[in-house]
């Protein structure tokens, strides 16, 4: 039975196989879930925890990043960071740590490219000076090391492509790391095991003398 047109014709389009293919592709794209603020948090998320131990504190920080799986079971399956938590026994930095986790989590849930966060965090410098972590890698601040942990996670889930060094460059890096580590061990071997990190020369040589923290390396004293 022919279809009766009971409204004025205001335009027309010729139906072709290409048009149908485009329409199907658009419909398929509309079914793909992308990261945005309206994505609801599922009951369970995949999480990874990274230990951040600095010479500036006796207690480590534990950075936990939870990921959401979008379009699970399809060819468009994607793992994206959804939220971050930072925990520690040290409560000295509690307020700014909570604020940092909320801002980072909000950026994660906003969608789009979130990899810029790592560069922003790693560019934060402590006015008291940075420190070398295990392996000889320099960290300009605690915030920068949190950014380094997040970067490691984004590399692990594939959002950041890791740049690999060639064999010659890797050999030079390994030799330099070994040299720094040996120098660090030789220097620290001359000071007591209970010595703390000096904020002036960044050597683990500050001890309690006459009721005042004094550095055995550079002589810096909290008592002036």
N, C-alpha and C. Protein backbone atom coordinates (compact mmCIF):
# COMPACT_ATOMS: atom_id res chain seq x y z
N UNK A 1 0.86 -1.20 0.00
CA UNK A 1 0.00 0.00 0.00
C UNK A 1 0.89 1.25 0.00
N UNK A 2 0.72 2.12 -0.95
CA UNK A 2 1.56 3.32 -1.02
C UNK A 2 1.33 4.25 0.17
N UNK A 3 2.43 4.92 0.60
CA UNK A 3 2.33 5.83 1.73
C UNK A 3 1.83 7.20 1.27
N UNK A 4 0.82 7.70 1.97
CA UNK A 4 0.22 8.98 1.61
C UNK A 4 0.97 10.11 2.30
N UNK A 5 1.40 11.10 1.52
CA UNK A 5 2.09 12.27 2.07
C UNK A 5 1.04 13.34 2.34
N UNK A 6 0.81 13.64 3.61
CA UNK A 6 -0.23 14.60 3.97
C UNK A 6 0.36 15.93 4.47
N UNK A 7 1.71 16.14 4.28
CA UNK A 7 2.34 17.39 4.69
C UNK A 7 3.09 17.99 3.50
N UNK A 8 3.28 19.29 3.50
CA UNK A 8 4.02 19.93 2.40
C UNK A 8 5.46 19.41 2.33
N UNK A 9 5.97 19.18 1.10
CA UNK A 9 7.33 18.73 0.91
C UNK A 9 8.25 19.95 0.93
N UNK A 10 9.22 19.95 1.87
CA UNK A 10 10.11 21.10 2.03
C UNK A 10 11.53 20.77 1.56
N UNK A 11 11.79 19.53 1.20
CA UNK A 11 13.11 19.14 0.73
C UNK A 11 13.13 17.66 0.44
N UNK A 12 14.25 17.20 -0.13
CA UNK A 12 14.34 15.77 -0.44
C UNK A 12 15.81 15.36 -0.48
N UNK A 13 16.07 14.05 -0.37
CA UNK A 13 17.41 13.50 -0.44
C UNK A 13 17.32 12.12 -1.07
N UNK A 14 18.17 11.86 -2.02
CA UNK A 14 18.16 10.56 -2.70
C UNK A 14 18.82 9.52 -1.81
N UNK A 15 18.14 8.42 -1.57
CA UNK A 15 18.65 7.36 -0.71
C UNK A 15 19.59 6.46 -1.51
N UNK A 16 20.81 6.36 -1.09
CA UNK A 16 21.81 5.52 -1.76
C UNK A 16 22.45 4.58 -0.75
N UNK A 17 23.25 3.62 -1.25
CA UNK A 17 23.93 2.68 -0.35
C UNK A 17 24.97 3.40 0.50
N UNK A 18 25.65 4.40 -0.07
CA UNK A 18 26.64 5.16 0.69
C UNK A 18 25.99 5.93 1.83
N UNK A 19 24.81 6.50 1.55
CA UNK A 19 24.10 7.24 2.58
C UNK A 19 23.69 6.33 3.73
N UNK A 20 23.26 5.11 3.36
CA UNK A 20 22.88 4.15 4.40
C UNK A 20 24.09 3.75 5.24
N UNK A 21 25.24 3.56 4.60
CA UNK A 21 26.46 3.19 5.31
C UNK A 21 26.88 4.30 6.27
N UNK A 22 26.78 5.54 5.80
CA UNK A 22 27.14 6.68 6.66
C UNK A 22 26.19 6.77 7.85
N UNK A 23 24.90 6.54 7.60
CA UNK A 23 23.91 6.59 8.68
C UNK A 23 24.18 5.50 9.72
N UNK A 24 24.53 4.30 9.25
CA UNK A 24 24.84 3.21 10.17
C UNK A 24 26.10 3.52 10.99
N UNK A 25 27.09 4.11 10.32
CA UNK A 25 28.33 4.46 11.02
C UNK A 25 28.09 5.52 12.09
N UNK A 26 27.23 6.50 11.76
CA UNK A 26 26.90 7.54 12.73
C UNK A 26 26.14 6.95 13.92
N UNK A 27 25.26 6.00 13.63
CA UNK A 27 24.51 5.35 14.71
C UNK A 27 25.45 4.54 15.59
N UNK A 28 26.43 3.87 14.95
CA UNK A 28 27.39 3.07 15.69
C UNK A 28 28.26 3.95 16.57
N UNK A 29 28.69 5.11 16.04
CA UNK A 29 29.52 6.04 16.80
C UNK A 29 28.75 6.61 17.99
N UNK A 30 27.45 6.81 17.80
CA UNK A 30 26.64 7.36 18.89
C UNK A 30 26.53 6.38 20.05
N UNK A 31 26.68 5.07 19.77
CA UNK A 31 26.60 4.05 20.82
C UNK A 31 27.89 3.92 21.61
N UNK A 32 29.01 4.49 21.11
CA UNK A 32 30.29 4.40 21.81
C UNK A 32 30.32 5.39 22.97
N UNK A 33 30.64 4.91 24.16
CA UNK A 33 30.67 5.76 25.36
C UNK A 33 32.05 6.39 25.49
N UNK A 34 32.08 7.72 25.57
CA UNK A 34 33.33 8.46 25.79
C UNK A 34 33.34 8.99 27.21
N UNK A 35 34.55 9.29 27.71
CA UNK A 35 34.69 9.80 29.07
C UNK A 35 34.15 11.22 29.16
N UNK A 36 33.22 11.45 30.08
CA UNK A 36 32.68 12.79 30.32
C UNK A 36 32.12 12.84 31.73
N UNK A 37 31.70 14.02 32.16
CA UNK A 37 31.27 14.22 33.54
C UNK A 37 30.03 13.42 33.92
N UNK A 38 29.21 13.06 32.93
CA UNK A 38 27.95 12.37 33.22
C UNK A 38 28.11 10.86 33.36
N UNK A 39 29.30 10.33 33.08
CA UNK A 39 29.51 8.89 33.23
C UNK A 39 29.42 8.53 34.71
N UNK A 40 28.52 7.61 35.04
CA UNK A 40 28.32 7.24 36.43
C UNK A 40 29.40 6.29 36.90
N UNK A 41 29.75 6.44 38.18
CA UNK A 41 30.78 5.57 38.76
C UNK A 41 30.20 4.18 38.98
N UNK A 42 30.83 3.14 38.40
CA UNK A 42 30.35 1.78 38.63
C UNK A 42 30.62 1.33 40.06
N UNK A 43 30.04 0.20 40.45
CA UNK A 43 30.22 -0.31 41.81
C UNK A 43 31.68 -0.70 42.06
N UNK A 44 32.37 -1.18 41.02
CA UNK A 44 33.76 -1.62 41.18
C UNK A 44 34.64 -0.97 40.12
N UNK A 45 35.82 -0.51 40.55
CA UNK A 45 36.80 0.06 39.63
C UNK A 45 38.13 -0.68 39.81
N UNK A 46 38.91 -0.74 38.74
CA UNK A 46 40.24 -1.33 38.82
C UNK A 46 41.20 -0.30 39.40
N UNK A 47 41.96 -0.70 40.40
CA UNK A 47 42.86 0.24 41.05
C UNK A 47 44.30 -0.21 41.08
N UNK A 48 45.21 0.76 41.07
CA UNK A 48 46.65 0.50 41.20
C UNK A 48 47.20 1.48 42.24
N UNK A 49 48.04 0.97 43.15
CA UNK A 49 48.59 1.79 44.21
C UNK A 49 50.10 1.91 44.05
N UNK A 50 50.62 3.14 44.15
CA UNK A 50 52.04 3.41 43.98
C UNK A 50 52.60 3.99 45.28
N UNK A 51 53.70 3.41 45.75
CA UNK A 51 54.34 3.89 46.98
C UNK A 51 55.31 5.00 46.66
N UNK A 52 55.17 6.12 47.35
CA UNK A 52 56.06 7.27 47.17
C UNK A 52 56.80 7.49 48.49
N UNK A 53 58.07 7.12 48.51
CA UNK A 53 58.89 7.27 49.73
C UNK A 53 59.97 8.29 49.46
N UNK A 54 59.92 9.39 50.20
CA UNK A 54 60.90 10.46 50.01
C UNK A 54 61.83 10.53 51.21
N UNK A 55 63.05 11.05 51.03
CA UNK A 55 63.97 11.22 52.17
C UNK A 55 63.56 12.37 53.09
N UNK A 56 62.50 13.09 52.72
CA UNK A 56 62.06 14.24 53.51
C UNK A 56 61.12 13.84 54.63
N UNK A 57 60.64 12.60 54.62
CA UNK A 57 59.67 12.16 55.61
C UNK A 57 59.91 10.71 55.99
N UNK A 58 59.59 10.37 57.24
CA UNK A 58 59.75 8.99 57.69
C UNK A 58 58.63 8.10 57.16
N UNK A 59 57.52 8.71 56.74
CA UNK A 59 56.36 7.94 56.30
C UNK A 59 56.15 8.11 54.79
N UNK A 60 55.79 7.01 54.15
CA UNK A 60 55.57 7.02 52.71
C UNK A 60 54.17 7.51 52.37
N UNK A 61 54.02 8.00 51.15
CA UNK A 61 52.70 8.31 50.59
C UNK A 61 52.29 7.15 49.70
N UNK A 62 50.98 6.86 49.69
CA UNK A 62 50.46 5.80 48.83
C UNK A 62 49.43 6.42 47.88
N UNK A 63 49.78 6.43 46.60
CA UNK A 63 48.93 7.04 45.57
C UNK A 63 48.13 5.93 44.89
N UNK A 64 46.81 5.96 45.04
CA UNK A 64 45.93 4.95 44.43
C UNK A 64 45.13 5.60 43.31
N UNK A 65 45.21 5.02 42.12
CA UNK A 65 44.47 5.51 40.96
C UNK A 65 43.49 4.44 40.52
N UNK A 66 42.21 4.77 40.50
CA UNK A 66 41.17 3.84 40.05
C UNK A 66 40.77 4.15 38.61
N UNK A 67 40.63 3.10 37.82
CA UNK A 67 40.30 3.25 36.40
C UNK A 67 38.91 2.70 36.09
N UNK A 68 38.27 3.30 35.10
CA UNK A 68 36.98 2.82 34.61
C UNK A 68 37.19 2.20 33.22
N UNK A 69 36.46 1.13 32.94
CA UNK A 69 36.54 0.48 31.63
C UNK A 69 35.33 0.90 30.81
N UNK A 70 35.57 1.61 29.73
CA UNK A 70 34.50 2.07 28.85
C UNK A 70 34.33 1.10 27.68
N UNK A 71 33.07 0.89 27.28
CA UNK A 71 32.75 0.00 26.14
C UNK A 71 33.37 -1.39 26.32
N UNK A 72 33.23 -1.91 27.54
CA UNK A 72 33.85 -3.20 27.86
C UNK A 72 33.33 -4.33 26.97
N UNK A 73 34.24 -5.16 26.49
CA UNK A 73 33.87 -6.30 25.67
C UNK A 73 33.70 -5.99 24.20
N UNK A 74 33.98 -4.74 23.80
CA UNK A 74 33.85 -4.36 22.39
C UNK A 74 35.23 -3.97 21.86
N UNK A 75 35.28 -3.73 20.55
CA UNK A 75 36.54 -3.31 19.93
C UNK A 75 36.93 -1.90 20.35
N UNK A 76 36.00 -1.18 20.96
CA UNK A 76 36.28 0.19 21.40
C UNK A 76 36.54 0.25 22.91
N UNK A 77 36.88 -0.87 23.53
CA UNK A 77 37.15 -0.91 24.96
C UNK A 77 38.32 0.01 25.30
N UNK A 78 38.14 0.80 26.34
CA UNK A 78 39.15 1.80 26.71
C UNK A 78 39.23 1.91 28.22
N UNK A 79 40.44 1.90 28.73
CA UNK A 79 40.67 2.07 30.17
C UNK A 79 41.12 3.49 30.44
N UNK A 80 40.36 4.20 31.28
CA UNK A 80 40.66 5.59 31.57
C UNK A 80 40.71 5.81 33.08
N UNK A 81 41.60 6.68 33.57
CA UNK A 81 41.63 6.99 35.01
C UNK A 81 40.36 7.73 35.42
N UNK A 82 39.83 7.37 36.58
CA UNK A 82 38.55 7.94 37.03
C UNK A 82 38.71 8.76 38.31
N UNK A 83 39.57 8.30 39.23
CA UNK A 83 39.74 9.02 40.50
C UNK A 83 41.08 8.66 41.10
N UNK A 84 41.55 9.50 42.02
CA UNK A 84 42.83 9.27 42.68
C UNK A 84 42.70 9.56 44.17
N UNK A 85 43.38 8.75 44.98
CA UNK A 85 43.43 8.94 46.43
C UNK A 85 44.88 8.89 46.88
N UNK A 86 45.21 9.71 47.88
CA UNK A 86 46.56 9.71 48.44
C UNK A 86 46.44 9.55 49.95
N UNK A 87 47.15 8.56 50.49
CA UNK A 87 47.06 8.26 51.92
C UNK A 87 48.46 8.19 52.53
N UNK A 88 48.56 8.60 53.80
CA UNK A 88 49.83 8.55 54.51
C UNK A 88 49.59 8.69 56.00
N UNK A 89 50.53 8.18 56.78
CA UNK A 89 50.47 8.38 58.23
C UNK A 89 50.83 9.81 58.59
N UNK A 90 51.59 10.45 57.72
CA UNK A 90 52.01 11.84 57.95
C UNK A 90 50.86 12.78 57.59
N UNK A 91 50.35 13.50 58.57
CA UNK A 91 49.20 14.38 58.37
C UNK A 91 49.61 15.84 58.15
N UNK A 92 50.92 16.09 58.01
CA UNK A 92 51.38 17.47 57.85
C UNK A 92 50.82 18.14 56.60
N UNK A 93 50.63 17.37 55.54
CA UNK A 93 50.19 17.93 54.26
C UNK A 93 48.73 17.57 53.95
N UNK A 94 47.95 17.25 54.98
CA UNK A 94 46.62 16.69 54.76
C UNK A 94 45.74 17.58 53.88
N UNK A 95 45.68 18.88 54.16
CA UNK A 95 44.75 19.76 53.45
C UNK A 95 45.07 19.86 51.96
N UNK A 96 46.33 20.12 51.61
CA UNK A 96 46.63 20.30 50.19
C UNK A 96 46.63 18.97 49.45
N UNK A 97 46.88 17.86 50.16
CA UNK A 97 46.80 16.56 49.51
C UNK A 97 45.36 16.24 49.12
N UNK A 98 44.41 16.50 50.03
CA UNK A 98 42.99 16.28 49.74
C UNK A 98 42.54 17.17 48.58
N UNK A 99 42.96 18.44 48.61
CA UNK A 99 42.59 19.36 47.53
C UNK A 99 43.16 18.88 46.20
N UNK A 100 44.41 18.41 46.22
CA UNK A 100 45.05 17.94 44.98
C UNK A 100 44.32 16.73 44.40
N UNK A 101 43.95 15.78 45.26
CA UNK A 101 43.26 14.58 44.77
C UNK A 101 41.90 14.93 44.17
N UNK A 102 41.21 15.88 44.75
CA UNK A 102 39.89 16.26 44.22
C UNK A 102 40.01 16.95 42.86
N UNK A 103 41.01 17.81 42.73
CA UNK A 103 41.20 18.51 41.45
C UNK A 103 41.60 17.52 40.35
N UNK A 104 42.55 16.62 40.67
CA UNK A 104 43.00 15.64 39.69
C UNK A 104 41.85 14.72 39.28
N UNK A 105 41.07 14.26 40.26
CA UNK A 105 39.94 13.38 39.95
C UNK A 105 38.92 14.08 39.07
N UNK A 106 38.69 15.38 39.32
CA UNK A 106 37.75 16.14 38.50
C UNK A 106 38.24 16.24 37.06
N UNK A 107 39.55 16.43 36.88
CA UNK A 107 40.12 16.49 35.52
C UNK A 107 39.97 15.14 34.83
N UNK A 108 40.21 14.05 35.56
CA UNK A 108 40.04 12.71 34.99
C UNK A 108 38.62 12.52 34.47
N UNK A 109 37.63 12.90 35.27
CA UNK A 109 36.23 12.65 34.92
C UNK A 109 35.71 13.63 33.87
N UNK A 110 36.42 14.72 33.66
CA UNK A 110 36.01 15.71 32.67
C UNK A 110 36.10 15.14 31.26
N UNK A 111 37.03 14.20 31.06
CA UNK A 111 37.23 13.64 29.74
C UNK A 111 38.27 14.41 28.96
N UNK A 112 38.54 13.94 27.75
CA UNK A 112 39.56 14.58 26.94
C UNK A 112 40.95 14.16 27.37
N UNK A 113 41.95 14.90 26.93
CA UNK A 113 43.34 14.57 27.22
C UNK A 113 43.71 15.02 28.63
N UNK A 114 44.05 14.05 29.48
CA UNK A 114 44.42 14.38 30.87
C UNK A 114 45.92 14.20 31.10
N UNK A 115 46.67 13.85 30.06
CA UNK A 115 48.09 13.58 30.24
C UNK A 115 48.90 14.84 30.58
N UNK A 116 48.33 16.02 30.30
CA UNK A 116 49.04 17.27 30.60
C UNK A 116 49.27 17.44 32.10
N UNK A 117 48.44 16.75 32.92
CA UNK A 117 48.55 16.87 34.37
C UNK A 117 49.94 16.47 34.86
N UNK A 118 50.50 15.43 34.26
CA UNK A 118 51.79 14.94 34.74
C UNK A 118 52.88 15.99 34.55
N UNK A 119 52.88 16.67 33.41
CA UNK A 119 53.89 17.70 33.16
C UNK A 119 53.71 18.89 34.11
N UNK A 120 52.45 19.25 34.38
CA UNK A 120 52.19 20.37 35.29
C UNK A 120 52.67 20.05 36.70
N UNK A 121 52.40 18.83 37.18
CA UNK A 121 52.80 18.45 38.53
C UNK A 121 54.31 18.30 38.64
N UNK A 122 54.93 17.73 37.60
CA UNK A 122 56.38 17.51 37.63
C UNK A 122 57.16 18.81 37.53
N UNK A 123 56.48 19.90 37.14
CA UNK A 123 57.14 21.20 37.02
C UNK A 123 57.07 22.02 38.31
N UNK A 124 56.51 21.43 39.39
CA UNK A 124 56.42 22.13 40.68
C UNK A 124 57.73 21.93 41.45
N UNK A 125 58.36 23.04 41.86
CA UNK A 125 59.64 22.98 42.56
C UNK A 125 59.46 23.41 44.02
N UNK A 126 60.08 22.67 44.91
CA UNK A 126 60.07 23.00 46.34
C UNK A 126 61.12 24.09 46.59
N UNK A 127 60.75 25.22 47.22
CA UNK A 127 61.74 26.27 47.48
C UNK A 127 62.89 25.82 48.38
N UNK A 128 62.68 24.73 49.14
CA UNK A 128 63.73 24.21 50.01
C UNK A 128 64.70 23.31 49.25
N UNK A 129 64.35 22.98 48.01
CA UNK A 129 65.21 22.12 47.21
C UNK A 129 64.61 20.74 47.01
N UNK A 130 65.07 20.05 45.98
CA UNK A 130 64.56 18.72 45.68
C UNK A 130 65.43 17.64 46.28
N UNK A 131 65.34 16.44 45.72
CA UNK A 131 66.09 15.30 46.25
C UNK A 131 66.21 14.24 45.15
N UNK A 132 67.12 13.31 45.37
CA UNK A 132 67.29 12.20 44.45
C UNK A 132 66.58 10.98 45.03
N UNK A 133 65.74 10.34 44.22
CA UNK A 133 65.08 9.12 44.66
C UNK A 133 65.94 7.92 44.28
N UNK A 134 65.53 6.74 44.70
CA UNK A 134 66.27 5.52 44.41
C UNK A 134 66.44 5.37 42.90
N UNK A 135 67.68 5.09 42.47
CA UNK A 135 67.96 4.97 41.05
C UNK A 135 68.61 6.22 40.47
N UNK A 136 68.70 7.28 41.29
CA UNK A 136 69.38 8.49 40.85
C UNK A 136 68.51 9.50 40.14
N UNK A 137 67.19 9.32 40.13
CA UNK A 137 66.30 10.26 39.45
C UNK A 137 66.00 11.43 40.37
N UNK A 138 66.20 12.65 39.87
CA UNK A 138 65.99 13.84 40.68
C UNK A 138 64.52 14.23 40.70
N UNK A 139 64.02 14.54 41.89
CA UNK A 139 62.65 15.00 42.08
C UNK A 139 62.68 16.40 42.69
N UNK A 140 62.15 17.42 41.99
CA UNK A 140 62.21 18.79 42.51
C UNK A 140 61.27 19.05 43.68
N UNK A 141 60.30 18.16 43.92
CA UNK A 141 59.36 18.36 45.02
C UNK A 141 58.54 17.10 45.23
N UNK A 142 57.80 17.06 46.34
CA UNK A 142 56.89 15.95 46.61
C UNK A 142 55.76 15.92 45.59
N UNK A 143 55.26 17.10 45.22
CA UNK A 143 54.20 17.18 44.20
C UNK A 143 54.69 16.60 42.88
N UNK A 144 55.95 16.88 42.54
CA UNK A 144 56.51 16.36 41.29
C UNK A 144 56.57 14.84 41.32
N UNK A 145 56.86 14.26 42.50
CA UNK A 145 56.92 12.80 42.58
C UNK A 145 55.53 12.18 42.47
N UNK A 146 54.51 12.87 42.97
CA UNK A 146 53.13 12.41 42.78
C UNK A 146 52.80 12.43 41.28
N UNK A 147 53.24 13.50 40.59
CA UNK A 147 53.04 13.57 39.15
C UNK A 147 53.78 12.46 38.42
N UNK A 148 54.96 12.09 38.92
CA UNK A 148 55.73 11.01 38.31
C UNK A 148 55.00 9.67 38.47
N UNK A 149 54.36 9.46 39.64
CA UNK A 149 53.59 8.24 39.87
C UNK A 149 52.39 8.16 38.94
N UNK A 150 51.72 9.29 38.75
CA UNK A 150 50.56 9.33 37.84
C UNK A 150 51.01 9.08 36.41
N UNK A 151 52.16 9.63 36.03
CA UNK A 151 52.70 9.40 34.69
C UNK A 151 52.99 7.92 34.47
N UNK A 152 53.56 7.27 35.47
CA UNK A 152 53.84 5.83 35.36
C UNK A 152 52.55 5.05 35.14
N UNK A 153 51.48 5.47 35.81
CA UNK A 153 50.20 4.78 35.65
C UNK A 153 49.62 5.00 34.25
N UNK A 154 49.69 6.23 33.77
CA UNK A 154 49.16 6.52 32.42
C UNK A 154 49.95 5.79 31.34
N UNK A 155 51.24 5.57 31.58
CA UNK A 155 52.03 4.77 30.65
C UNK A 155 51.59 3.32 30.70
N UNK A 156 51.28 2.85 31.91
CA UNK A 156 50.89 1.45 32.09
C UNK A 156 49.58 1.12 31.38
N UNK A 157 48.63 2.07 31.38
CA UNK A 157 47.34 1.81 30.73
C UNK A 157 47.32 2.26 29.27
N UNK A 158 48.43 2.81 28.80
CA UNK A 158 48.56 3.12 27.37
C UNK A 158 48.17 4.52 26.95
N UNK A 159 47.86 5.42 27.89
CA UNK A 159 47.51 6.79 27.51
C UNK A 159 48.74 7.61 27.13
N UNK A 160 49.88 7.26 27.70
CA UNK A 160 51.15 7.92 27.36
C UNK A 160 52.06 6.86 26.75
N UNK A 161 52.56 7.15 25.57
CA UNK A 161 53.48 6.25 24.90
C UNK A 161 54.89 6.53 25.39
N UNK A 162 55.51 5.50 25.94
CA UNK A 162 56.84 5.67 26.51
C UNK A 162 57.89 5.73 25.41
N UNK A 163 58.75 6.74 25.50
CA UNK A 163 59.83 6.89 24.53
C UNK A 163 61.00 6.01 24.96
N UNK A 164 61.37 5.09 24.11
CA UNK A 164 62.45 4.16 24.43
C UNK A 164 63.79 4.68 23.94
N UNK A 165 64.82 4.50 24.77
CA UNK A 165 66.17 4.91 24.39
C UNK A 165 66.83 3.81 23.58
N UNK A 166 67.75 4.20 22.71
CA UNK A 166 68.50 3.18 21.99
C UNK A 166 69.54 2.57 22.93
N UNK A 167 70.20 1.52 22.50
CA UNK A 167 71.11 0.77 23.36
C UNK A 167 72.25 1.65 23.89
N UNK A 168 72.77 2.54 23.05
CA UNK A 168 73.86 3.42 23.46
C UNK A 168 73.40 4.40 24.55
N UNK A 169 72.24 5.02 24.35
CA UNK A 169 71.71 5.96 25.33
C UNK A 169 71.37 5.26 26.64
N UNK A 170 70.80 4.05 26.55
CA UNK A 170 70.43 3.31 27.75
C UNK A 170 71.66 2.93 28.56
N UNK A 171 72.75 2.59 27.86
CA UNK A 171 74.00 2.25 28.55
C UNK A 171 74.55 3.44 29.30
N UNK A 172 74.49 4.62 28.69
CA UNK A 172 74.97 5.84 29.35
C UNK A 172 74.14 6.17 30.59
N UNK A 173 72.81 6.01 30.46
CA UNK A 173 71.91 6.28 31.59
C UNK A 173 72.18 5.32 32.73
N UNK A 174 72.34 4.04 32.43
CA UNK A 174 72.59 3.03 33.47
C UNK A 174 73.92 3.29 34.18
N UNK A 175 74.95 3.69 33.42
CA UNK A 175 76.24 3.99 34.03
C UNK A 175 76.16 5.20 34.94
N UNK A 176 75.40 6.22 34.50
CA UNK A 176 75.26 7.44 35.31
C UNK A 176 74.48 7.16 36.59
N UNK A 177 73.43 6.33 36.48
CA UNK A 177 72.65 5.96 37.67
C UNK A 177 73.52 5.22 38.68
N UNK A 178 74.33 4.27 38.18
CA UNK A 178 75.21 3.50 39.06
C UNK A 178 76.23 4.41 39.73
N UNK A 179 76.76 5.40 38.99
CA UNK A 179 77.74 6.33 39.53
C UNK A 179 77.13 7.18 40.65
N UNK A 180 75.92 7.70 40.41
CA UNK A 180 75.24 8.53 41.41
C UNK A 180 74.92 7.71 42.65
N UNK A 181 74.45 6.47 42.44
CA UNK A 181 74.08 5.61 43.56
C UNK A 181 75.31 5.28 44.41
N UNK A 182 76.46 5.04 43.77
CA UNK A 182 77.69 4.74 44.50
C UNK A 182 78.15 5.96 45.29
N UNK A 183 78.08 7.14 44.67
CA UNK A 183 78.45 8.37 45.37
C UNK A 183 77.56 8.61 46.58
N UNK A 184 76.25 8.34 46.38
CA UNK A 184 75.29 8.53 47.46
C UNK A 184 75.59 7.59 48.63
N UNK A 185 75.90 6.33 48.32
CA UNK A 185 76.20 5.35 49.36
C UNK A 185 77.49 5.68 50.09
N UNK A 186 78.51 6.15 49.33
CA UNK A 186 79.78 6.50 49.94
C UNK A 186 79.65 7.67 50.89
N UNK A 187 78.84 8.67 50.49
CA UNK A 187 78.65 9.85 51.33
C UNK A 187 77.87 9.51 52.58
N UNK A 188 76.78 8.78 52.42
CA UNK A 188 75.91 8.48 53.55
C UNK A 188 76.55 7.48 54.51
N UNK A 189 77.54 6.72 54.03
CA UNK A 189 78.18 5.73 54.90
C UNK A 189 78.95 6.40 56.03
N UNK A 190 79.33 7.67 55.86
CA UNK A 190 80.11 8.38 56.86
C UNK A 190 79.25 8.99 57.95
N UNK A 191 77.94 8.93 57.84
CA UNK A 191 77.05 9.56 58.80
C UNK A 191 76.21 8.51 59.52
N UNK A 192 75.69 8.85 60.70
CA UNK A 192 74.89 7.88 61.46
C UNK A 192 73.65 7.42 60.70
N UNK A 193 73.20 6.19 60.98
CA UNK A 193 72.03 5.64 60.31
C UNK A 193 70.77 6.45 60.61
N UNK A 194 70.71 7.07 61.80
CA UNK A 194 69.52 7.83 62.18
C UNK A 194 69.51 9.25 61.63
N UNK A 195 70.52 9.62 60.86
CA UNK A 195 70.61 10.98 60.30
C UNK A 195 69.44 11.25 59.36
N UNK A 196 68.99 12.49 59.33
CA UNK A 196 67.88 12.91 58.49
C UNK A 196 68.39 13.77 57.33
N UNK A 197 67.51 14.02 56.37
CA UNK A 197 67.89 14.81 55.20
C UNK A 197 68.04 16.29 55.57
N UNK A 198 69.17 16.86 55.18
CA UNK A 198 69.41 18.28 55.40
C UNK A 198 68.71 19.07 54.30
N UNK A 199 67.91 20.07 54.67
CA UNK A 199 67.15 20.85 53.68
C UNK A 199 68.03 21.82 52.91
N UNK A 200 69.27 22.03 53.35
CA UNK A 200 70.16 22.97 52.68
C UNK A 200 71.04 22.28 51.63
N UNK A 201 71.75 21.21 52.02
CA UNK A 201 72.66 20.53 51.09
C UNK A 201 72.10 19.23 50.56
N UNK A 202 70.88 18.84 51.02
CA UNK A 202 70.19 17.64 50.56
C UNK A 202 71.02 16.37 50.78
N UNK A 203 71.77 16.35 51.89
CA UNK A 203 72.53 15.17 52.29
C UNK A 203 71.90 14.60 53.56
N UNK A 204 71.81 13.29 53.65
CA UNK A 204 71.20 12.66 54.82
C UNK A 204 72.24 12.65 55.94
N UNK A 205 72.42 13.84 56.55
CA UNK A 205 73.49 14.00 57.53
C UNK A 205 73.07 14.86 58.72
N UNK A 206 71.79 15.20 58.83
CA UNK A 206 71.33 16.06 59.93
C UNK A 206 71.03 15.21 61.16
N UNK A 207 71.65 15.54 62.29
CA UNK A 207 71.46 14.80 63.54
C UNK A 207 71.13 15.79 64.65
N UNK A 208 70.60 15.26 65.75
CA UNK A 208 70.24 16.10 66.89
C UNK A 208 71.47 16.31 67.76
N UNK A 209 71.90 17.57 67.85
CA UNK A 209 73.07 17.91 68.66
C UNK A 209 72.71 19.06 69.60
N UNK A 210 72.87 18.84 70.90
CA UNK A 210 72.56 19.86 71.91
C UNK A 210 71.14 20.38 71.75
N UNK A 211 70.22 19.47 71.43
CA UNK A 211 68.81 19.84 71.32
C UNK A 211 68.45 20.54 70.02
N UNK A 212 69.34 20.51 69.02
CA UNK A 212 69.09 21.20 67.76
C UNK A 212 69.55 20.34 66.59
N UNK A 213 68.75 20.30 65.51
CA UNK A 213 69.11 19.54 64.32
C UNK A 213 70.26 20.25 63.61
N UNK A 214 71.39 19.54 63.45
CA UNK A 214 72.59 20.11 62.84
C UNK A 214 73.10 19.17 61.75
N UNK A 215 73.47 19.73 60.62
CA UNK A 215 73.98 18.93 59.50
C UNK A 215 75.48 18.70 59.66
N UNK A 216 75.89 17.44 59.64
CA UNK A 216 77.30 17.11 59.76
C UNK A 216 78.07 17.32 58.47
N UNK A 217 77.33 17.59 57.37
CA UNK A 217 77.98 17.79 56.08
C UNK A 217 78.29 19.26 55.81
N UNK A 218 77.26 20.11 55.93
CA UNK A 218 77.45 21.53 55.61
C UNK A 218 77.44 22.43 56.84
N UNK A 219 77.07 21.87 58.01
CA UNK A 219 77.07 22.66 59.25
C UNK A 219 75.80 23.43 59.50
N UNK A 220 74.81 23.34 58.62
CA UNK A 220 73.57 24.07 58.81
C UNK A 220 72.88 23.64 60.09
N UNK A 221 72.38 24.60 60.85
CA UNK A 221 71.75 24.30 62.13
C UNK A 221 70.42 25.02 62.24
N UNK A 222 69.42 24.34 62.79
CA UNK A 222 68.11 24.94 62.98
C UNK A 222 68.13 26.03 64.05
N UNK A 223 69.17 26.00 64.87
CA UNK A 223 69.27 27.00 65.95
C UNK A 223 70.08 28.22 65.51
N UNK A 224 70.50 28.23 64.26
CA UNK A 224 71.28 29.37 63.77
C UNK A 224 72.73 29.15 64.13
